Amino acid sequence: MELDRLDRDIIAALVDDARATYADIGHQVGLSASAVKRRVDRLQKSGAITGFSARVAPQALGWTTEAYVELFCQGKTKPSDIALAVAKFPEVVAAATITGEADALLHIRATDVRHVERVIERIAAEAFVVRTKSSIVLSRLVDTPPGAALTDVRNGSHVVTR
């Protein structure tokens, strides 16, 4: 899908405030409310915009501790098997296969360090897991929501859309 500058500006406005009216966004990007609505509808239909949601501080829900856990798996464990296994844990908020020695990287949120430890123990008990390596987050230095800074793929330049 090809996004032009107006599409990127509209997406940035929605990332900043998904509750903004089409008129407010139009004022920011120089379009009418109806033109913004047509573009948002097109962006949704194309899959560029996948939904709208509230960003909630994890601490407000009691999830005050986070960790990154590297998974080292047996043989040729399929990514789909890893995904199926870790999806059982609500504490796993993101998971990805990665390059390097580990097979996957998990992002875990929990109530405290003991809770993280229990989650890691349960994940390590999965049949395909050989070992884990974990790091507890001390403080977040950068926490940019997806879409807040967009890259112009055509020329590789970094375009900040705020």
N, C-alpha and C. Protein backbone atom coordinates (compact mmCIF):
# COMPACT_ATOMS: atom_id res chain seq x y z
N MET A 1 0.83 -1.17 0.00
CA MET A 1 0.00 0.00 0.00
C MET A 1 0.88 1.24 0.00
N GLU A 2 0.52 2.20 -0.78
CA GLU A 2 1.28 3.44 -0.94
C GLU A 2 0.64 4.53 -0.09
N LEU A 3 1.43 5.10 0.83
CA LEU A 3 0.93 6.18 1.68
C LEU A 3 1.59 7.48 1.25
N ASP A 4 0.78 8.50 1.01
CA ASP A 4 1.34 9.80 0.70
C ASP A 4 1.48 10.61 2.00
N ARG A 5 1.98 11.83 1.86
CA ARG A 5 2.24 12.67 3.03
C ARG A 5 0.97 12.93 3.84
N LEU A 6 -0.16 13.16 3.17
CA LEU A 6 -1.42 13.40 3.89
C LEU A 6 -1.85 12.16 4.68
N ASP A 7 -1.71 10.98 4.06
CA ASP A 7 -2.04 9.73 4.77
C ASP A 7 -1.19 9.62 6.03
N ARG A 8 0.10 9.89 5.90
CA ARG A 8 1.01 9.80 7.05
C ARG A 8 0.64 10.82 8.13
N ASP A 9 0.28 12.01 7.71
CA ASP A 9 -0.11 13.04 8.67
C ASP A 9 -1.41 12.64 9.39
N ILE A 10 -2.35 12.07 8.66
CA ILE A 10 -3.61 11.62 9.26
C ILE A 10 -3.35 10.50 10.25
N ILE A 11 -2.51 9.54 9.87
CA ILE A 11 -2.16 8.44 10.77
C ILE A 11 -1.49 8.98 12.03
N ALA A 12 -0.56 9.92 11.86
CA ALA A 12 0.13 10.50 13.02
C ALA A 12 -0.87 11.19 13.95
N ALA A 13 -1.83 11.90 13.37
CA ALA A 13 -2.84 12.58 14.19
C ALA A 13 -3.69 11.56 14.95
N LEU A 14 -4.02 10.45 14.30
CA LEU A 14 -4.81 9.41 14.97
C LEU A 14 -4.01 8.69 16.05
N VAL A 15 -2.71 8.48 15.80
CA VAL A 15 -1.86 7.87 16.81
C VAL A 15 -1.78 8.78 18.03
N ASP A 16 -1.67 10.08 17.76
CA ASP A 16 -1.58 11.04 18.86
C ASP A 16 -2.88 11.10 19.65
N ASP A 17 -4.03 11.05 18.94
CA ASP A 17 -5.33 11.11 19.61
C ASP A 17 -6.37 10.42 18.73
N ALA A 18 -6.62 9.15 19.00
CA ALA A 18 -7.56 8.37 18.19
C ALA A 18 -8.99 8.86 18.34
N ARG A 19 -9.24 9.71 19.32
CA ARG A 19 -10.58 10.25 19.54
C ARG A 19 -10.79 11.60 18.86
N ALA A 20 -9.76 12.09 18.17
CA ALA A 20 -9.88 13.38 17.48
C ALA A 20 -10.97 13.27 16.41
N THR A 21 -11.69 14.35 16.22
CA THR A 21 -12.73 14.36 15.19
C THR A 21 -12.08 14.52 13.82
N TYR A 22 -12.82 14.13 12.79
CA TYR A 22 -12.31 14.31 11.43
C TYR A 22 -12.07 15.80 11.17
N ALA A 23 -12.90 16.66 11.73
CA ALA A 23 -12.72 18.11 11.56
C ALA A 23 -11.41 18.56 12.21
N ASP A 24 -11.12 18.06 13.41
CA ASP A 24 -9.86 18.42 14.08
C ASP A 24 -8.66 17.97 13.26
N ILE A 25 -8.72 16.73 12.79
CA ILE A 25 -7.62 16.20 11.99
C ILE A 25 -7.50 16.99 10.69
N GLY A 26 -8.64 17.28 10.07
CA GLY A 26 -8.63 18.07 8.84
C GLY A 26 -7.97 19.41 9.04
N HIS A 27 -8.25 20.05 10.17
CA HIS A 27 -7.63 21.34 10.49
C HIS A 27 -6.10 21.19 10.58
N GLN A 28 -5.64 20.07 11.17
CA GLN A 28 -4.20 19.84 11.32
C GLN A 28 -3.51 19.59 9.98
N VAL A 29 -4.18 18.86 9.10
CA VAL A 29 -3.53 18.43 7.85
C VAL A 29 -3.96 19.24 6.62
N GLY A 30 -4.91 20.16 6.78
CA GLY A 30 -5.32 20.99 5.66
C GLY A 30 -6.34 20.36 4.74
N LEU A 31 -7.23 19.52 5.29
CA LEU A 31 -8.30 18.90 4.50
C LEU A 31 -9.64 19.14 5.18
N SER A 32 -10.70 18.92 4.43
CA SER A 32 -12.04 18.99 5.03
C SER A 32 -12.28 17.73 5.85
N ALA A 33 -13.24 17.78 6.74
CA ALA A 33 -13.59 16.61 7.55
C ALA A 33 -14.01 15.45 6.67
N SER A 34 -14.77 15.72 5.61
CA SER A 34 -15.23 14.63 4.74
C SER A 34 -14.06 14.00 3.98
N ALA A 35 -13.07 14.82 3.58
CA ALA A 35 -11.90 14.28 2.89
C ALA A 35 -11.08 13.39 3.85
N VAL A 36 -10.97 13.83 5.10
CA VAL A 36 -10.26 13.02 6.10
C VAL A 36 -10.99 11.70 6.30
N LYS A 37 -12.31 11.74 6.42
CA LYS A 37 -13.09 10.51 6.61
C LYS A 37 -12.87 9.55 5.45
N ARG A 38 -12.90 10.06 4.22
CA ARG A 38 -12.68 9.19 3.05
C ARG A 38 -11.31 8.54 3.11
N ARG A 39 -10.30 9.31 3.49
CA ARG A 39 -8.94 8.76 3.58
C ARG A 39 -8.84 7.73 4.70
N VAL A 40 -9.43 8.03 5.85
CA VAL A 40 -9.39 7.07 6.97
C VAL A 40 -10.11 5.78 6.57
N ASP A 41 -11.26 5.90 5.91
CA ASP A 41 -11.97 4.71 5.44
C ASP A 41 -11.10 3.90 4.49
N ARG A 42 -10.41 4.60 3.57
CA ARG A 42 -9.53 3.91 2.61
C ARG A 42 -8.35 3.27 3.34
N LEU A 43 -7.78 3.96 4.31
CA LEU A 43 -6.66 3.41 5.08
C LEU A 43 -7.08 2.17 5.87
N GLN A 44 -8.30 2.18 6.39
CA GLN A 44 -8.80 1.00 7.09
C GLN A 44 -9.02 -0.15 6.12
N LYS A 45 -9.65 0.15 4.99
CA LYS A 45 -9.94 -0.89 4.00
C LYS A 45 -8.66 -1.53 3.46
N SER A 46 -7.61 -0.72 3.30
CA SER A 46 -6.35 -1.24 2.77
C SER A 46 -5.54 -2.00 3.82
N GLY A 47 -5.91 -1.85 5.08
CA GLY A 47 -5.18 -2.53 6.16
C GLY A 47 -4.07 -1.69 6.77
N ALA A 48 -3.88 -0.45 6.28
CA ALA A 48 -2.87 0.42 6.87
C ALA A 48 -3.26 0.79 8.30
N ILE A 49 -4.55 1.04 8.52
CA ILE A 49 -5.07 1.25 9.87
C ILE A 49 -5.82 -0.02 10.24
N THR A 50 -5.38 -0.66 11.31
CA THR A 50 -5.96 -1.95 11.70
C THR A 50 -6.99 -1.84 12.82
N GLY A 51 -7.12 -0.66 13.41
CA GLY A 51 -8.10 -0.49 14.47
C GLY A 51 -7.78 0.73 15.30
N PHE A 52 -8.63 0.98 16.27
CA PHE A 52 -8.47 2.12 17.16
C PHE A 52 -8.55 1.59 18.58
N SER A 53 -7.67 2.09 19.45
CA SER A 53 -7.72 1.61 20.82
C SER A 53 -7.17 2.66 21.77
N ALA A 54 -7.39 2.42 23.04
CA ALA A 54 -6.85 3.30 24.08
C ALA A 54 -5.50 2.76 24.51
N ARG A 55 -4.55 3.65 24.76
CA ARG A 55 -3.27 3.24 25.33
C ARG A 55 -3.40 3.41 26.84
N VAL A 56 -3.24 2.34 27.56
CA VAL A 56 -3.40 2.36 29.01
C VAL A 56 -2.04 2.13 29.66
N ALA A 57 -1.74 2.92 30.66
CA ALA A 57 -0.49 2.73 31.39
C ALA A 57 -0.55 1.38 32.10
N PRO A 58 0.39 0.48 31.83
CA PRO A 58 0.36 -0.84 32.48
C PRO A 58 0.32 -0.73 34.00
N GLN A 59 0.95 0.30 34.56
CA GLN A 59 0.96 0.47 36.01
C GLN A 59 -0.45 0.68 36.55
N ALA A 60 -1.31 1.28 35.75
CA ALA A 60 -2.69 1.50 36.20
C ALA A 60 -3.42 0.18 36.39
N LEU A 61 -2.96 -0.85 35.72
CA LEU A 61 -3.57 -2.18 35.82
C LEU A 61 -2.79 -3.10 36.77
N GLY A 62 -1.76 -2.54 37.41
CA GLY A 62 -0.97 -3.33 38.36
C GLY A 62 0.21 -4.05 37.73
N TRP A 63 0.48 -3.83 36.46
CA TRP A 63 1.60 -4.50 35.77
C TRP A 63 2.80 -3.56 35.85
N THR A 64 3.51 -3.59 36.98
CA THR A 64 4.58 -2.63 37.24
C THR A 64 5.97 -3.13 36.87
N THR A 65 6.09 -4.39 36.51
CA THR A 65 7.40 -4.97 36.20
C THR A 65 7.36 -5.55 34.80
N GLU A 66 8.45 -5.34 34.07
CA GLU A 66 8.51 -5.93 32.74
C GLU A 66 9.88 -6.54 32.52
N ALA A 67 9.90 -7.52 31.62
CA ALA A 67 11.14 -8.23 31.31
C ALA A 67 11.14 -8.64 29.85
N TYR A 68 12.34 -8.85 29.35
CA TYR A 68 12.52 -9.43 28.02
C TYR A 68 13.18 -10.79 28.23
N VAL A 69 12.61 -11.80 27.60
CA VAL A 69 13.10 -13.16 27.80
C VAL A 69 13.46 -13.77 26.45
N GLU A 70 14.71 -14.20 26.34
CA GLU A 70 15.15 -14.91 25.14
C GLU A 70 14.84 -16.39 25.31
N LEU A 71 14.26 -16.99 24.28
CA LEU A 71 13.98 -18.43 24.29
C LEU A 71 14.97 -19.14 23.37
N PHE A 72 15.54 -20.20 23.90
CA PHE A 72 16.42 -21.07 23.13
C PHE A 72 15.68 -22.40 23.00
N CYS A 73 15.39 -22.79 21.76
CA CYS A 73 14.50 -23.93 21.52
C CYS A 73 15.25 -25.12 20.95
N GLN A 74 14.64 -26.30 21.08
CA GLN A 74 15.19 -27.54 20.54
C GLN A 74 15.10 -27.55 19.02
N GLY A 75 16.14 -28.07 18.39
CA GLY A 75 16.12 -28.35 16.96
C GLY A 75 15.47 -27.30 16.11
N LYS A 76 14.52 -27.76 15.32
CA LYS A 76 13.84 -26.88 14.37
C LYS A 76 12.42 -26.59 14.85
N THR A 77 12.30 -26.02 16.02
CA THR A 77 10.99 -25.65 16.54
C THR A 77 10.38 -24.59 15.61
N LYS A 78 9.17 -24.83 15.17
CA LYS A 78 8.50 -23.90 14.26
C LYS A 78 8.03 -22.65 15.01
N PRO A 79 8.16 -21.49 14.37
CA PRO A 79 7.66 -20.26 15.00
C PRO A 79 6.18 -20.38 15.40
N SER A 80 5.39 -21.09 14.61
CA SER A 80 3.97 -21.23 14.96
C SER A 80 3.80 -22.01 16.26
N ASP A 81 4.68 -22.98 16.53
CA ASP A 81 4.61 -23.73 17.79
C ASP A 81 4.97 -22.82 18.98
N ILE A 82 5.98 -21.98 18.77
CA ILE A 82 6.36 -21.03 19.82
C ILE A 82 5.20 -20.07 20.08
N ALA A 83 4.62 -19.53 19.01
CA ALA A 83 3.52 -18.58 19.15
C ALA A 83 2.34 -19.21 19.88
N LEU A 84 2.00 -20.42 19.52
CA LEU A 84 0.88 -21.11 20.16
C LEU A 84 1.14 -21.30 21.65
N ALA A 85 2.37 -21.68 22.00
CA ALA A 85 2.69 -21.93 23.40
C ALA A 85 2.69 -20.65 24.23
N VAL A 86 3.31 -19.59 23.74
CA VAL A 86 3.43 -18.38 24.56
C VAL A 86 2.14 -17.57 24.58
N ALA A 87 1.26 -17.79 23.62
CA ALA A 87 -0.03 -17.09 23.60
C ALA A 87 -0.90 -17.48 24.79
N LYS A 88 -0.58 -18.60 25.44
CA LYS A 88 -1.33 -19.05 26.61
C LYS A 88 -1.10 -18.16 27.83
N PHE A 89 -0.05 -17.36 27.78
CA PHE A 89 0.34 -16.56 28.93
C PHE A 89 -0.07 -15.10 28.72
N PRO A 90 -1.04 -14.59 29.49
CA PRO A 90 -1.46 -13.20 29.31
C PRO A 90 -0.34 -12.21 29.62
N GLU A 91 0.65 -12.65 30.36
CA GLU A 91 1.78 -11.78 30.70
C GLU A 91 2.68 -11.51 29.50
N VAL A 92 2.64 -12.39 28.50
CA VAL A 92 3.45 -12.19 27.29
C VAL A 92 2.70 -11.20 26.41
N VAL A 93 3.21 -9.97 26.34
CA VAL A 93 2.53 -8.92 25.58
C VAL A 93 3.05 -8.79 24.16
N ALA A 94 4.21 -9.40 23.88
CA ALA A 94 4.75 -9.42 22.52
C ALA A 94 5.75 -10.57 22.43
N ALA A 95 5.85 -11.13 21.24
CA ALA A 95 6.80 -12.22 20.99
C ALA A 95 7.23 -12.14 19.54
N ALA A 96 8.51 -12.42 19.30
CA ALA A 96 9.03 -12.38 17.94
C ALA A 96 10.16 -13.38 17.78
N THR A 97 10.29 -13.94 16.58
CA THR A 97 11.49 -14.69 16.27
C THR A 97 12.57 -13.67 15.96
N ILE A 98 13.81 -14.03 16.27
CA ILE A 98 14.90 -13.06 16.14
C ILE A 98 16.14 -13.71 15.53
N THR A 99 17.06 -12.87 15.10
CA THR A 99 18.36 -13.36 14.64
C THR A 99 19.26 -13.53 15.86
N GLY A 100 20.38 -14.18 15.67
CA GLY A 100 21.31 -14.38 16.77
C GLY A 100 21.16 -15.77 17.36
N GLU A 101 21.66 -15.95 18.56
CA GLU A 101 21.65 -17.26 19.19
C GLU A 101 20.27 -17.71 19.63
N ALA A 102 19.49 -16.80 20.18
CA ALA A 102 18.15 -17.17 20.66
C ALA A 102 17.22 -17.36 19.48
N ASP A 103 16.16 -18.13 19.71
CA ASP A 103 15.17 -18.37 18.68
C ASP A 103 14.03 -17.36 18.72
N ALA A 104 13.72 -16.86 19.91
CA ALA A 104 12.60 -15.93 20.06
C ALA A 104 12.87 -14.99 21.22
N LEU A 105 12.19 -13.85 21.17
CA LEU A 105 12.28 -12.88 22.24
C LEU A 105 10.87 -12.56 22.70
N LEU A 106 10.65 -12.66 24.00
CA LEU A 106 9.34 -12.39 24.59
C LEU A 106 9.41 -11.11 25.42
N HIS A 107 8.34 -10.33 25.36
CA HIS A 107 8.21 -9.16 26.22
C HIS A 107 7.13 -9.52 27.24
N ILE A 108 7.49 -9.48 28.50
CA ILE A 108 6.59 -9.90 29.58
C ILE A 108 6.29 -8.71 30.48
N ARG A 109 5.03 -8.57 30.88
CA ARG A 109 4.63 -7.59 31.89
C ARG A 109 4.01 -8.37 33.04
N ALA A 110 4.35 -7.96 34.26
CA ALA A 110 3.88 -8.69 35.44
C ALA A 110 3.72 -7.72 36.61
N THR A 111 3.19 -8.25 37.70
CA THR A 111 2.94 -7.40 38.87
C THR A 111 4.20 -7.12 39.67
N ASP A 112 5.15 -8.07 39.67
CA ASP A 112 6.40 -7.90 40.40
C ASP A 112 7.41 -8.92 39.88
N VAL A 113 8.61 -8.88 40.43
CA VAL A 113 9.68 -9.78 39.96
C VAL A 113 9.32 -11.24 40.21
N ARG A 114 8.71 -11.54 41.32
CA ARG A 114 8.31 -12.93 41.61
C ARG A 114 7.31 -13.42 40.56
N HIS A 115 6.40 -12.58 40.14
CA HIS A 115 5.44 -12.93 39.10
C HIS A 115 6.18 -13.22 37.79
N VAL A 116 7.17 -12.38 37.44
CA VAL A 116 7.98 -12.62 36.24
C VAL A 116 8.65 -13.99 36.34
N GLU A 117 9.20 -14.27 37.51
CA GLU A 117 9.90 -15.54 37.72
C GLU A 117 8.96 -16.73 37.50
N ARG A 118 7.75 -16.65 38.03
CA ARG A 118 6.79 -17.75 37.85
C ARG A 118 6.42 -17.93 36.37
N VAL A 119 6.26 -16.84 35.65
CA VAL A 119 5.93 -16.92 34.23
C VAL A 119 7.08 -17.57 33.47
N ILE A 120 8.29 -17.15 33.76
CA ILE A 120 9.46 -17.73 33.08
C ILE A 120 9.57 -19.22 33.39
N GLU A 121 9.32 -19.61 34.63
CA GLU A 121 9.35 -21.03 34.99
C GLU A 121 8.34 -21.82 34.18
N ARG A 122 7.13 -21.28 34.01
CA ARG A 122 6.09 -21.98 33.25
C ARG A 122 6.45 -22.06 31.76
N ILE A 123 7.02 -20.98 31.22
CA ILE A 123 7.43 -20.99 29.82
C ILE A 123 8.59 -21.96 29.63
N ALA A 124 9.54 -21.97 30.55
CA ALA A 124 10.70 -22.87 30.45
C ALA A 124 10.29 -24.34 30.52
N ALA A 125 9.13 -24.61 31.09
CA ALA A 125 8.64 -25.98 31.19
C ALA A 125 8.04 -26.50 29.87
N GLU A 126 7.86 -25.61 28.88
CA GLU A 126 7.36 -26.06 27.58
C GLU A 126 8.36 -27.05 26.99
N ALA A 127 7.86 -28.09 26.37
CA ALA A 127 8.70 -29.19 25.89
C ALA A 127 9.82 -28.76 24.95
N PHE A 128 9.60 -27.74 24.15
CA PHE A 128 10.60 -27.35 23.15
C PHE A 128 11.65 -26.38 23.69
N VAL A 129 11.47 -25.85 24.90
CA VAL A 129 12.39 -24.85 25.44
C VAL A 129 13.60 -25.53 26.07
N VAL A 130 14.79 -25.18 25.58
CA VAL A 130 16.04 -25.70 26.12
C VAL A 130 16.49 -24.84 27.30
N ARG A 131 16.44 -23.53 27.10
CA ARG A 131 16.80 -22.61 28.18
C ARG A 131 16.24 -21.24 27.88
N THR A 132 16.29 -20.37 28.89
CA THR A 132 15.86 -18.98 28.73
C THR A 132 16.95 -18.07 29.25
N LYS A 133 16.91 -16.84 28.80
CA LYS A 133 17.81 -15.80 29.31
C LYS A 133 16.95 -14.55 29.44
N SER A 134 16.91 -13.99 30.65
CA SER A 134 15.98 -12.88 30.87
C SER A 134 16.69 -11.61 31.33
N SER A 135 16.05 -10.50 31.04
CA SER A 135 16.51 -9.18 31.48
C SER A 135 15.30 -8.43 32.01
N ILE A 136 15.42 -7.89 33.22
CA ILE A 136 14.36 -7.08 33.82
C ILE A 136 14.57 -5.63 33.39
N VAL A 137 13.51 -4.97 33.00
CA VAL A 137 13.58 -3.56 32.61
C VAL A 137 13.66 -2.70 33.87
N LEU A 138 14.65 -1.83 33.93
CA LEU A 138 14.78 -0.91 35.06
C LEU A 138 14.00 0.37 34.80
N SER A 139 14.16 0.93 33.62
CA SER A 139 13.40 2.13 33.25
C SER A 139 13.31 2.21 31.74
N ARG A 140 12.20 2.77 31.26
CA ARG A 140 11.99 2.96 29.82
C ARG A 140 12.63 4.28 29.43
N LEU A 141 13.44 4.24 28.40
CA LEU A 141 14.10 5.45 27.93
C LEU A 141 13.35 6.08 26.76
N VAL A 142 12.82 5.25 25.88
CA VAL A 142 12.02 5.70 24.74
C VAL A 142 10.84 4.75 24.64
N ASP A 143 9.66 5.30 24.46
CA ASP A 143 8.46 4.46 24.35
C ASP A 143 7.50 5.11 23.36
N THR A 144 7.88 5.04 22.09
CA THR A 144 7.11 5.68 21.03
C THR A 144 6.02 4.74 20.54
N PRO A 145 4.76 5.20 20.50
CA PRO A 145 3.70 4.33 20.00
C PRO A 145 3.88 4.07 18.51
N PRO A 146 3.49 2.88 18.03
CA PRO A 146 3.62 2.56 16.61
C PRO A 146 2.94 3.62 15.76
N GLY A 147 3.62 4.06 14.70
CA GLY A 147 3.04 5.03 13.80
C GLY A 147 3.36 6.47 14.15
N ALA A 148 3.93 6.71 15.34
CA ALA A 148 4.22 8.09 15.73
C ALA A 148 5.35 8.67 14.88
N ALA A 149 6.29 7.84 14.52
CA ALA A 149 7.37 8.27 13.62
C ALA A 149 7.37 7.29 12.46
N LEU A 150 7.12 7.79 11.29
CA LEU A 150 7.01 6.94 10.11
C LEU A 150 8.24 7.09 9.24
N THR A 151 8.63 6.01 8.57
CA THR A 151 9.77 6.03 7.68
C THR A 151 9.27 6.08 6.25
N ASP A 152 9.83 6.97 5.48
CA ASP A 152 9.50 7.03 4.06
C ASP A 152 10.33 5.97 3.36
N VAL A 153 9.71 4.86 3.02
CA VAL A 153 10.39 3.70 2.47
C VAL A 153 11.03 4.00 1.12
N ARG A 154 10.45 4.90 0.37
CA ARG A 154 10.98 5.18 -0.97
C ARG A 154 12.39 5.70 -0.94
N ASN A 155 12.70 6.58 0.01
CA ASN A 155 14.05 7.15 0.00
C ASN A 155 14.83 6.84 1.28
N GLY A 156 14.25 6.05 2.17
CA GLY A 156 14.93 5.63 3.38
C GLY A 156 15.07 6.69 4.44
N SER A 157 14.54 7.87 4.19
CA SER A 157 14.67 8.94 5.18
C SER A 157 13.65 8.73 6.31
N HIS A 158 14.01 9.24 7.45
CA HIS A 158 13.14 9.13 8.62
C HIS A 158 12.27 10.38 8.66
N VAL A 159 10.97 10.21 8.67
CA VAL A 159 10.04 11.33 8.66
C VAL A 159 9.28 11.35 9.97
N VAL A 160 9.49 12.37 10.78
CA VAL A 160 8.72 12.51 12.02
C VAL A 160 7.45 13.25 11.65
N THR A 161 6.31 12.63 11.99
CA THR A 161 5.05 13.15 11.50
C THR A 161 4.27 13.93 12.55
N ARG A 162 4.87 14.21 13.68
CA ARG A 162 4.15 14.97 14.71
C ARG A 162 4.28 16.44 14.46
